[in-house]
Amino acid sequence: MSDHHHSHQQEHAAGQEFWDARYSESDRIWSGRANDVLVREAADLAPGRALDLGCGEGADAVWLARQGWHVTGADISGVALERAARHAEEAGVGDRVEWQRHDFAESFPAGEFDLVSACFLHSYGDFPRERILRTAAAAVAPGGVLLIAGHAGGPSWDPDKLAEIHFPTPEQVLAQLDLPEGGWEVLLAEAHVQALTGPDGRPGTRPDNALKVRRLR
């Protein structure tokens, strides 16, 4: 086994261990509600096959399934995926969602999708987000949509909390995707402020952004 391959295996295991430990800290980490940007931007799309990258505890995947989509939810954390599967069963859409465990730096769900959603697909360390998002774009079927939502900084109560992570603008994400000219249509590229509740229960905000593109052929 080469040193390079061995280091990849170590990074893969470390990523799984980190996120499994993160999700094991409490019974629920996220709100259980679908991301506002997904609800807003997918509401007018005709249901088909959807891929939810970094699905976490499954709120987005469950929301999509409730809208009639057949969903593949993928995440690196087995703890999160077990929780997501329970969420889907409780919501009555367990038969509409397939859960897959992937470290996207190493593997990726097979097939083509009418919607690929990558909402807040950030991680620590050597995380090849640009390459993963290019793979995500390649998984979009002709006529399908790629939705990428990302943070643009830390929350109002701790603006330096995520200072070690680089947050690109929507325009930078679009450039990084390196989409073929004439093959895609930009439907949305914007920054916005997301309202959210801080750890002390007080209202706060966080800068986010979103990119939505449609594959033309």
Protein backbone atom coordinates (compact mmCIF):
# COMPACT_ATOMS: atom_id res chain seq x y z
CA MET A 1 0.00 0.00 0.00
CA SER A 2 1.43 3.39 -0.95
CA ASP A 3 1.91 6.14 1.62
CA HIS A 4 -0.46 8.30 -0.45
CA HIS A 5 -3.22 5.70 -0.34
CA HIS A 6 -2.63 5.11 3.36
CA SER A 7 -2.92 8.83 4.12
CA HIS A 8 -6.22 8.95 2.21
CA GLN A 9 -7.52 6.07 4.30
CA GLN A 10 -6.49 7.87 7.48
CA GLU A 11 -8.25 11.07 6.36
CA HIS A 12 -11.36 9.08 5.46
CA ALA A 13 -11.46 7.38 8.87
CA ALA A 14 -10.78 10.67 10.65
CA GLY A 15 -13.66 12.34 8.78
CA GLN A 16 -16.06 9.56 9.68
CA GLU A 17 -14.94 9.55 13.31
CA PHE A 18 -15.21 13.34 13.58
CA TRP A 19 -18.76 13.52 12.23
CA ASP A 20 -19.96 10.39 14.02
CA ALA A 21 -18.67 11.89 17.28
CA ARG A 22 -20.27 15.24 16.42
CA TYR A 23 -23.66 13.66 15.82
CA SER A 24 -23.33 11.48 18.91
CA GLU A 25 -23.06 14.55 21.14
CA SER A 26 -26.87 14.87 21.31
CA ASP A 27 -30.05 13.25 20.05
CA ARG A 28 -30.45 15.98 17.45
CA ILE A 29 -27.95 18.54 16.22
CA TRP A 30 -29.97 20.40 13.59
CA SER A 31 -33.49 21.85 13.78
CA GLY A 32 -35.25 19.02 11.96
CA ARG A 33 -36.61 21.55 9.44
CA ALA A 34 -35.59 21.67 5.81
CA ASN A 35 -33.20 24.45 4.82
CA ASP A 36 -35.09 27.59 3.83
CA VAL A 37 -33.08 27.97 0.63
CA LEU A 38 -34.01 24.46 -0.53
CA VAL A 39 -37.69 24.97 0.23
CA ARG A 40 -37.67 28.27 -1.62
CA GLU A 41 -35.70 27.13 -4.67
CA ALA A 42 -37.09 23.61 -5.13
CA ALA A 43 -40.75 24.41 -4.54
CA ASP A 44 -41.41 25.09 -8.23
CA LEU A 45 -39.45 22.13 -9.60
CA ALA A 46 -41.24 19.08 -11.00
CA PRO A 47 -40.43 16.12 -8.73
CA GLY A 48 -38.09 13.48 -10.10
CA ARG A 49 -34.88 11.95 -8.76
CA ALA A 50 -33.01 14.03 -6.18
CA LEU A 51 -29.61 13.71 -4.53
CA ASP A 52 -29.08 15.36 -1.14
CA LEU A 53 -25.34 15.67 -0.52
CA GLY A 54 -24.34 15.89 3.12
CA CYS A 55 -27.88 14.99 4.16
CA GLY A 56 -27.09 14.91 7.88
CA GLU A 57 -30.16 14.04 9.94
CA GLY A 58 -32.32 14.00 6.82
CA ALA A 59 -34.55 17.08 7.06
CA ASP A 60 -33.99 18.17 3.45
CA ALA A 61 -34.34 14.64 2.08
CA VAL A 62 -37.57 14.09 4.00
CA TRP A 63 -38.98 17.40 2.78
CA LEU A 64 -38.14 16.50 -0.82
CA ALA A 65 -39.74 13.06 -0.43
CA ARG A 66 -42.89 14.70 0.90
CA GLN A 67 -43.01 16.81 -2.27
CA GLY A 68 -42.95 13.64 -4.38
CA TRP A 69 -39.25 13.26 -5.10
CA HIS A 70 -37.40 9.95 -5.02
CA VAL A 71 -34.37 10.89 -2.95
CA THR A 72 -30.87 9.58 -2.39
CA GLY A 73 -29.52 10.99 0.87
CA ALA A 74 -25.76 10.68 1.30
CA ASP A 75 -23.50 11.56 4.21
CA ILE A 76 -20.18 10.50 5.75
CA SER A 77 -21.71 9.85 9.17
CA GLY A 78 -23.40 6.52 9.85
CA VAL A 79 -24.84 8.00 13.05
CA ALA A 80 -26.51 10.77 11.04
CA LEU A 81 -27.81 8.34 8.42
CA GLU A 82 -29.43 6.08 11.04
CA ARG A 83 -31.11 9.14 12.53
CA ALA A 84 -32.21 10.30 9.07
CA ALA A 85 -33.72 6.90 8.26
CA ARG A 86 -35.78 7.04 11.47
CA HIS A 87 -36.91 10.55 10.60
CA ALA A 88 -38.07 9.37 7.16
CA GLU A 89 -39.94 6.40 8.59
CA GLU A 90 -41.67 8.59 11.16
CA ALA A 91 -42.64 11.00 8.38
CA GLY A 92 -44.11 8.17 6.32
CA VAL A 93 -41.67 8.57 3.42
CA GLY A 94 -39.16 5.84 4.24
CA ASP A 95 -39.89 4.09 0.94
CA ARG A 96 -39.02 7.23 -1.04
CA VAL A 97 -35.51 7.75 0.33
CA GLU A 98 -32.38 5.65 -0.09
CA TRP A 99 -29.59 6.38 2.38
CA GLN A 100 -25.96 5.94 1.35
CA ARG A 101 -22.76 6.46 3.32
CA HIS A 102 -20.04 8.24 1.35
CA ASP A 103 -16.90 10.20 2.01
CA PHE A 104 -17.33 12.38 -1.08
CA ALA A 105 -13.57 12.75 -1.40
CA GLU A 106 -13.42 8.99 -1.99
CA SER A 107 -16.78 7.91 -3.45
CA PHE A 108 -19.98 9.39 -4.83
CA PRO A 109 -23.56 8.13 -5.39
CA ALA A 110 -24.04 6.62 -8.83
CA GLY A 111 -26.60 7.76 -11.38
CA GLU A 112 -28.11 10.96 -12.78
CA PHE A 113 -30.48 13.21 -10.87
CA ASP A 114 -33.03 15.88 -11.72
CA LEU A 115 -31.96 17.81 -8.64
CA VAL A 116 -28.63 17.72 -6.86
CA SER A 117 -28.70 19.70 -3.62
CA ALA A 118 -25.54 20.55 -1.70
CA CYS A 119 -26.68 22.71 1.20
CA PHE A 120 -23.87 23.81 3.54
CA LEU A 121 -21.48 21.12 2.41
CA HIS A 122 -18.56 22.38 4.48
CA SER A 123 -16.06 20.44 6.54
CA TYR A 124 -12.79 20.91 8.35
CA GLY A 125 -9.32 19.92 7.24
CA ASP A 126 -8.36 18.95 3.70
CA PHE A 127 -11.86 18.85 2.24
CA PRO A 128 -11.87 18.96 -1.60
CA ARG A 129 -15.16 20.87 -1.88
CA GLU A 130 -14.46 22.26 -5.37
CA ARG A 131 -13.81 18.79 -6.82
CA ILE A 132 -16.85 17.34 -5.04
CA LEU A 133 -19.11 20.06 -6.43
CA ARG A 134 -17.79 19.46 -9.96
CA THR A 135 -18.68 15.79 -9.49
CA ALA A 136 -22.10 16.90 -8.29
CA ALA A 137 -22.59 18.97 -11.44
CA ALA A 138 -21.68 15.96 -13.58
CA ALA A 139 -24.44 13.98 -11.84
CA VAL A 140 -27.17 16.40 -12.95
CA ALA A 141 -29.36 15.05 -15.75
CA PRO A 142 -30.09 17.24 -18.79
CA GLY A 143 -32.80 19.69 -17.76
CA GLY A 144 -31.95 19.15 -14.10
CA VAL A 145 -30.86 21.62 -11.45
CA LEU A 146 -27.83 21.93 -9.19
CA LEU A 147 -28.44 23.91 -5.99
CA ILE A 148 -25.46 24.89 -3.84
CA ALA A 149 -25.99 26.82 -0.62
CA GLY A 150 -23.10 27.85 1.56
CA HIS A 151 -22.16 29.94 4.53
CA ALA A 152 -20.42 33.24 3.87
CA GLY A 153 -19.09 33.71 7.40
CA GLY A 154 -19.73 32.98 11.04
CA PRO A 155 -22.96 33.73 12.94
CA SER A 156 -23.62 37.19 14.39
CA TRP A 157 -22.88 36.09 17.96
CA ASP A 158 -19.48 34.63 16.95
CA PRO A 159 -18.41 36.03 13.56
CA ASP A 160 -14.93 34.46 13.80
CA LYS A 161 -16.23 30.99 14.73
CA LEU A 162 -15.56 29.52 11.29
CA ALA A 163 -12.57 31.66 10.40
CA GLU A 164 -10.46 28.62 9.45
CA ILE A 165 -12.86 27.69 6.64
CA HIS A 166 -12.81 29.57 3.32
CA PHE A 167 -16.29 30.52 2.17
CA PRO A 168 -16.44 31.37 -1.54
CA THR A 169 -18.96 33.76 -3.07
CA PRO A 170 -21.60 32.37 -5.48
CA GLU A 171 -19.60 33.81 -8.37
CA GLN A 172 -16.47 32.02 -7.16
CA VAL A 173 -18.40 28.75 -6.80
CA LEU A 174 -19.68 29.14 -10.36
CA ALA A 175 -16.15 29.73 -11.65
CA GLN A 176 -14.85 26.73 -9.69
CA LEU A 177 -17.49 24.47 -11.25
CA ASP A 178 -15.92 25.17 -14.67
CA LEU A 179 -19.20 24.41 -16.45
CA PRO A 180 -19.08 24.06 -20.24
CA GLU A 181 -20.06 27.28 -22.03
CA GLY A 182 -23.61 27.16 -23.33
CA GLY A 183 -24.41 24.00 -21.42
CA TRP A 184 -25.84 25.56 -18.28
CA GLU A 185 -28.16 28.40 -17.29
CA VAL A 186 -27.63 30.41 -14.11
CA LEU A 187 -30.96 30.76 -12.32
CA LEU A 188 -29.72 32.28 -9.06
CA ALA A 189 -26.44 33.61 -7.67
CA GLU A 190 -26.99 35.69 -4.57
CA ALA A 191 -25.89 36.43 -1.03
CA HIS A 192 -28.48 36.72 1.71
CA VAL A 193 -28.75 37.00 5.48
CA GLN A 194 -30.28 34.02 7.27
CA ALA A 195 -32.16 34.56 10.52
CA LEU A 196 -31.47 31.96 13.17
CA THR A 197 -31.51 31.44 16.92
CA GLY A 198 -28.29 31.71 18.88
CA PRO A 199 -27.10 29.30 21.56
CA ASP A 200 -28.55 31.58 24.24
CA GLY A 201 -31.98 31.52 22.60
CA ARG A 202 -31.72 35.06 21.27
CA PRO A 203 -32.31 35.85 17.59
CA GLY A 204 -29.27 36.20 15.40
CA THR A 205 -28.17 36.17 11.78
CA ARG A 206 -25.61 34.51 9.54
CA PRO A 207 -24.42 35.50 6.05
CA ASP A 208 -25.16 32.79 3.49
CA ASN A 209 -25.21 32.52 -0.28
CA ALA A 210 -26.74 30.34 -2.94
CA LEU A 211 -26.10 29.27 -6.53
CA LYS A 212 -28.75 27.56 -8.66
CA VAL A 213 -27.93 26.40 -12.18
CA ARG A 214 -29.85 24.34 -14.74
CA ARG A 215 -28.20 21.89 -17.11
CA LEU A 216 -29.39 22.58 -20.64
CA ARG A 217 -27.99 19.49 -22.37
